[in-house]
Amino acid sequence: MTEAAELPPAPEQARAVFGDRFADAVRYAELLAEAGVQRGLIGPREVPRLWERHILNCAVLSEVVPEGVTVCDVGSGAGLPGIPLALVREDLKITLLEPLLRRTNFLTEVVELLGLDHVTVVRGRAEEVMGKVPSVHVVTARAVAPLDRLATWGIPLLRPYGEMLALKGDTAEEELKSAATALSKLGAVETSILHVGEGVVDPLSTVVRVEVGESPGGVRFAAKKAKAARAGRARRRR
């Protein structure tokens, strides 16, 4: 049986990024390296690079998230990028959206253990909760799906004039080009590729930003949202 990989000490950059929440960031890294691996949420080979490749790579997303907004982390998995973002930005109201029970159990444990009062865990798929949870200013995602598919899940959860921020790798530009038509149909009005994390991560984290207009998801999703909202009001009246 192969020995479990050892979690390296937190790099100095982590102290600067997480500030007063540095000890909580260390605890989160430990949870990922222990329970996260045991429950199959993180591969054991990822443990030696948890800090640079996963935690800090996600934390620097905070550089492009506006102040005081609502955020939904779609397909949150083990809490990436939602948990690191929450540790850096207590001004945000964050929902971790994840369909799998074993993952939502882990997320709930982390949120409670770290005292993240501004974070809510919701079990479900994006297409299932549309119209049942409040629309948000920002949708985040990392390693969930190709951009065109991710957009069909994430964009309908946005408020008018909101934005989706997707952490991507080397394929970002190619994905953005191939998803152009789909994004336009979903109500996107502007797209861009951002690089964040100067002085923290190398290589820099790549973020695809998709900004929407007054009808996130387009006409079809607007009708679906309205129908879901009406059904929700009817249930509450019973």
Protein backbone atom coordinates (compact mmCIF):
# COMPACT_ATOMS: atom_id res chain seq x y z
CA MET A 1 0.00 0.00 0.00
CA THR A 2 1.39 3.41 -1.01
CA GLU A 3 2.00 5.88 1.78
CA ALA A 4 -0.16 8.99 1.75
CA ALA A 5 1.65 12.02 0.36
CA GLU A 6 2.59 14.61 2.94
CA LEU A 7 1.11 18.09 2.90
CA PRO A 8 3.96 20.62 2.59
CA PRO A 9 4.10 23.66 4.90
CA ALA A 10 2.11 26.68 3.78
CA PRO A 11 4.19 29.00 1.57
CA GLU A 12 4.88 32.54 2.77
CA GLN A 13 2.53 33.95 0.13
CA ALA A 14 -0.35 32.25 1.94
CA ARG A 15 0.20 34.41 5.03
CA ALA A 16 -0.11 37.56 2.96
CA VAL A 17 -3.15 36.33 1.01
CA PHE A 18 -5.19 34.98 3.93
CA GLY A 19 -4.10 37.43 6.65
CA ASP A 20 -6.11 36.86 9.84
CA ARG A 21 -7.60 33.74 8.29
CA PHE A 22 -4.22 32.09 7.66
CA ALA A 23 -4.71 29.47 10.41
CA ASP A 24 -8.12 28.59 8.91
CA ALA A 25 -6.53 28.24 5.46
CA VAL A 26 -3.98 25.82 6.94
CA ARG A 27 -6.78 23.82 8.57
CA TYR A 28 -8.64 23.68 5.26
CA ALA A 29 -5.49 22.40 3.53
CA GLU A 30 -5.17 19.71 6.21
CA LEU A 31 -8.81 18.70 5.75
CA LEU A 32 -8.32 18.40 1.99
CA ALA A 33 -5.15 16.33 2.48
CA GLU A 34 -6.83 14.03 5.01
CA ALA A 35 -10.62 13.70 4.74
CA GLY A 36 -10.62 15.07 1.19
CA VAL A 37 -8.34 12.29 -0.02
CA GLN A 38 -10.04 9.60 2.08
CA ARG A 39 -13.44 10.50 0.63
CA GLY A 40 -12.17 10.71 -2.94
CA LEU A 41 -12.62 14.49 -3.29
CA ILE A 42 -8.94 15.14 -3.98
CA GLY A 43 -6.47 12.74 -5.59
CA PRO A 44 -3.55 11.75 -3.34
CA ARG A 45 -1.09 12.99 -5.97
CA GLU A 46 -2.50 16.49 -5.56
CA VAL A 47 -1.52 16.75 -1.87
CA PRO A 48 2.08 17.95 -2.42
CA ARG A 49 0.79 20.78 -4.65
CA LEU A 50 -2.40 21.64 -2.75
CA TRP A 51 -1.21 25.13 -1.85
CA GLU A 52 0.08 26.40 -5.19
CA ARG A 53 -2.12 24.51 -7.63
CA HIS A 54 -5.40 24.56 -5.71
CA ILE A 55 -5.78 26.80 -2.66
CA LEU A 56 -3.76 29.86 -3.67
CA ASN A 57 -4.70 29.40 -7.31
CA CYS A 58 -8.34 29.83 -6.21
CA ALA A 59 -7.80 32.49 -3.53
CA VAL A 60 -6.41 34.98 -6.05
CA LEU A 61 -9.77 34.95 -7.84
CA SER A 62 -10.70 37.49 -5.14
CA GLU A 63 -8.75 40.10 -7.12
CA VAL A 64 -11.55 40.32 -9.69
CA VAL A 65 -14.66 39.79 -7.55
CA PRO A 66 -16.45 43.09 -6.75
CA GLU A 67 -17.00 44.15 -3.14
CA GLY A 68 -20.05 43.06 -1.14
CA VAL A 69 -21.70 40.93 -3.81
CA THR A 70 -23.49 37.58 -3.76
CA VAL A 71 -21.62 34.63 -5.26
CA CYS A 72 -22.62 31.12 -6.30
CA ASP A 73 -19.81 28.59 -6.71
CA VAL A 74 -21.20 26.07 -9.20
CA GLY A 75 -20.04 22.47 -8.87
CA SER A 76 -18.08 23.40 -5.77
CA GLY A 77 -16.71 19.89 -5.22
CA ALA A 78 -14.24 20.07 -2.34
CA GLY A 79 -14.83 23.82 -2.05
CA LEU A 80 -12.60 25.14 -4.82
CA PRO A 81 -12.72 28.05 -5.46
CA GLY A 82 -15.53 28.86 -2.99
CA ILE A 83 -13.79 28.13 0.33
CA PRO A 84 -10.49 29.96 -0.38
CA LEU A 85 -12.52 32.88 -1.73
CA ALA A 86 -14.63 32.91 1.45
CA LEU A 87 -11.52 32.92 3.64
CA VAL A 88 -10.11 35.94 1.81
CA ARG A 89 -13.38 37.87 1.38
CA GLU A 90 -15.71 38.03 4.36
CA ASP A 91 -17.64 40.82 2.59
CA LEU A 92 -19.15 38.29 0.17
CA LYS A 93 -22.25 36.13 0.60
CA ILE A 94 -21.28 32.81 -0.95
CA THR A 95 -23.36 29.77 -1.89
CA LEU A 96 -21.52 26.51 -2.53
CA LEU A 97 -23.67 24.58 -5.00
CA GLU A 98 -22.86 20.88 -5.35
CA PRO A 99 -25.07 17.92 -6.35
CA LEU A 100 -23.22 15.04 -4.66
CA LEU A 101 -24.08 14.24 -1.03
CA ARG A 102 -20.58 13.16 0.05
CA ARG A 103 -19.23 16.47 -1.19
CA THR A 104 -21.94 18.61 0.41
CA ASN A 105 -21.35 16.75 3.68
CA PHE A 106 -17.66 17.64 3.48
CA LEU A 107 -18.43 21.26 2.58
CA THR A 108 -20.87 21.62 5.48
CA GLU A 109 -18.28 20.25 7.89
CA VAL A 110 -15.63 22.69 6.60
CA VAL A 111 -17.98 25.68 6.77
CA GLU A 112 -18.96 24.86 10.36
CA LEU A 113 -15.43 24.05 11.50
CA LEU A 114 -13.98 27.26 10.07
CA GLY A 115 -16.89 29.43 11.20
CA LEU A 116 -17.71 30.70 7.73
CA ASP A 117 -21.01 32.37 8.62
CA HIS A 118 -21.19 34.09 5.23
CA VAL A 119 -21.22 30.75 3.37
CA THR A 120 -24.22 28.49 2.63
CA VAL A 121 -24.04 24.97 1.24
CA VAL A 122 -26.81 23.91 -1.16
CA ARG A 123 -27.14 20.42 -2.59
CA GLY A 124 -28.39 20.38 -6.16
CA ARG A 125 -27.59 20.93 -9.79
CA ALA A 126 -27.60 24.41 -11.24
CA GLU A 127 -30.47 23.60 -13.59
CA GLU A 128 -32.54 22.27 -10.67
CA VAL A 129 -32.15 25.28 -8.37
CA MET A 130 -32.76 27.95 -10.99
CA GLY A 131 -35.64 30.11 -9.80
CA LYS A 132 -35.60 28.42 -6.37
CA VAL A 133 -32.55 30.22 -5.00
CA PRO A 134 -31.98 33.97 -5.29
CA SER A 135 -30.08 35.13 -8.38
CA VAL A 136 -26.51 36.25 -7.68
CA HIS A 137 -24.12 38.95 -8.86
CA VAL A 138 -21.28 36.51 -9.60
CA VAL A 139 -21.06 32.82 -10.52
CA THR A 140 -17.70 31.10 -10.04
CA ALA A 141 -16.51 27.71 -11.24
CA ARG A 142 -13.33 25.69 -11.60
CA ALA A 143 -12.74 22.48 -13.56
CA VAL A 144 -16.47 21.79 -13.83
CA ALA A 145 -17.05 21.52 -17.59
CA PRO A 146 -16.10 23.06 -20.95
CA LEU A 147 -17.08 26.72 -21.08
CA ASP A 148 -20.10 26.36 -23.39
CA ARG A 149 -21.68 23.72 -21.13
CA LEU A 150 -20.69 25.53 -17.93
CA ALA A 151 -22.35 28.68 -19.23
CA THR A 152 -25.71 26.93 -19.69
CA TRP A 153 -25.61 26.04 -15.98
CA GLY A 154 -24.05 29.16 -14.53
CA ILE A 155 -25.36 32.13 -16.50
CA PRO A 156 -29.08 31.54 -15.72
CA LEU A 157 -28.24 31.85 -12.00
CA LEU A 158 -27.04 35.43 -12.48
CA ARG A 159 -28.82 38.69 -11.80
CA PRO A 160 -29.12 41.09 -14.74
CA TYR A 161 -25.69 42.60 -15.50
CA GLY A 162 -23.92 39.94 -13.43
CA GLU A 163 -20.84 37.99 -14.44
CA MET A 164 -19.48 34.46 -14.53
CA LEU A 165 -15.83 33.96 -13.53
CA ALA A 166 -14.44 30.59 -14.61
CA LEU A 167 -10.95 29.49 -13.60
CA LYS A 168 -9.43 27.86 -16.67
CA GLY A 169 -6.03 26.66 -17.84
CA ASP A 170 -4.17 26.85 -21.13
CA THR A 171 -7.35 26.13 -23.10
CA ALA A 172 -9.09 29.35 -21.99
CA GLU A 173 -8.73 31.26 -25.26
CA GLU A 174 -9.69 28.27 -27.38
CA GLU A 175 -12.74 27.52 -25.19
CA LEU A 176 -13.85 31.14 -25.32
CA LYS A 177 -13.70 31.19 -29.12
CA SER A 178 -15.60 27.92 -29.53
CA ALA A 179 -18.25 29.00 -27.00
CA ALA A 180 -18.86 32.44 -28.56
CA THR A 181 -22.18 31.57 -30.25
CA ALA A 182 -23.53 29.74 -27.19
CA LEU A 183 -22.55 32.61 -24.89
CA SER A 184 -24.28 35.14 -27.11
CA LYS A 185 -27.51 33.11 -27.04
CA LEU A 186 -27.27 32.98 -23.24
CA GLY A 187 -27.25 36.76 -22.98
CA ALA A 188 -23.51 37.43 -22.73
CA VAL A 189 -22.58 40.94 -23.80
CA GLU A 190 -18.84 40.93 -23.15
CA THR A 191 -16.11 38.36 -22.56
CA SER A 192 -12.47 38.64 -21.53
CA ILE A 193 -9.52 36.61 -20.26
CA LEU A 194 -7.84 37.82 -17.08
CA HIS A 195 -4.61 36.74 -15.38
CA VAL A 196 -4.49 37.11 -11.60
CA GLY A 197 -2.17 36.25 -8.74
CA GLU A 198 0.93 38.30 -9.57
CA GLY A 199 3.54 37.58 -6.89
CA VAL A 200 1.42 34.77 -5.42
CA VAL A 201 1.17 31.97 -7.99
CA ASP A 202 3.34 30.99 -10.94
CA PRO A 203 1.96 30.54 -13.51
CA LEU A 204 -0.75 33.14 -12.96
CA SER A 205 -4.33 31.94 -12.58
CA THR A 206 -6.35 32.33 -15.77
CA VAL A 207 -9.93 33.54 -15.44
CA VAL A 208 -12.55 33.70 -18.19
CA ARG A 209 -14.98 36.52 -17.42
CA VAL A 210 -18.41 36.45 -19.07
CA GLU A 211 -20.56 39.53 -18.45
CA VAL A 212 -24.30 39.40 -19.15
CA GLY A 213 -26.91 41.98 -19.99
CA GLU A 214 -30.45 42.36 -18.71
CA SER A 215 -31.53 38.79 -19.59
CA PRO A 216 -29.06 36.24 -18.13
CA GLY A 217 -29.63 32.93 -19.88
CA GLY A 218 -31.54 34.50 -22.74
CA VAL A 219 -35.26 34.41 -23.47
CA ARG A 220 -35.74 30.65 -22.92
CA PHE A 221 -34.19 30.72 -19.47
CA ALA A 222 -36.07 33.88 -18.50
CA ALA A 223 -39.34 32.03 -19.11
CA LYS A 224 -38.11 28.97 -17.20
CA LYS A 225 -37.00 31.14 -14.26
CA ALA A 226 -40.34 32.92 -14.13
CA LYS A 227 -42.19 29.58 -14.18
CA ALA A 228 -40.02 28.21 -11.34
CA ALA A 229 -40.55 31.39 -9.30
CA ARG A 230 -44.34 31.15 -9.75
CA ALA A 231 -44.29 27.50 -8.67
CA GLY A 232 -42.26 28.47 -5.59
CA ARG A 233 -44.75 31.17 -4.61
CA ALA A 234 -47.64 28.74 -5.07
CA ARG A 235 -45.97 26.19 -2.78
CA ARG A 236 -45.41 28.83 -0.09
CA ARG A 237 -49.09 29.87 -0.20
CA ARG A 238 -50.28 26.32 0.51
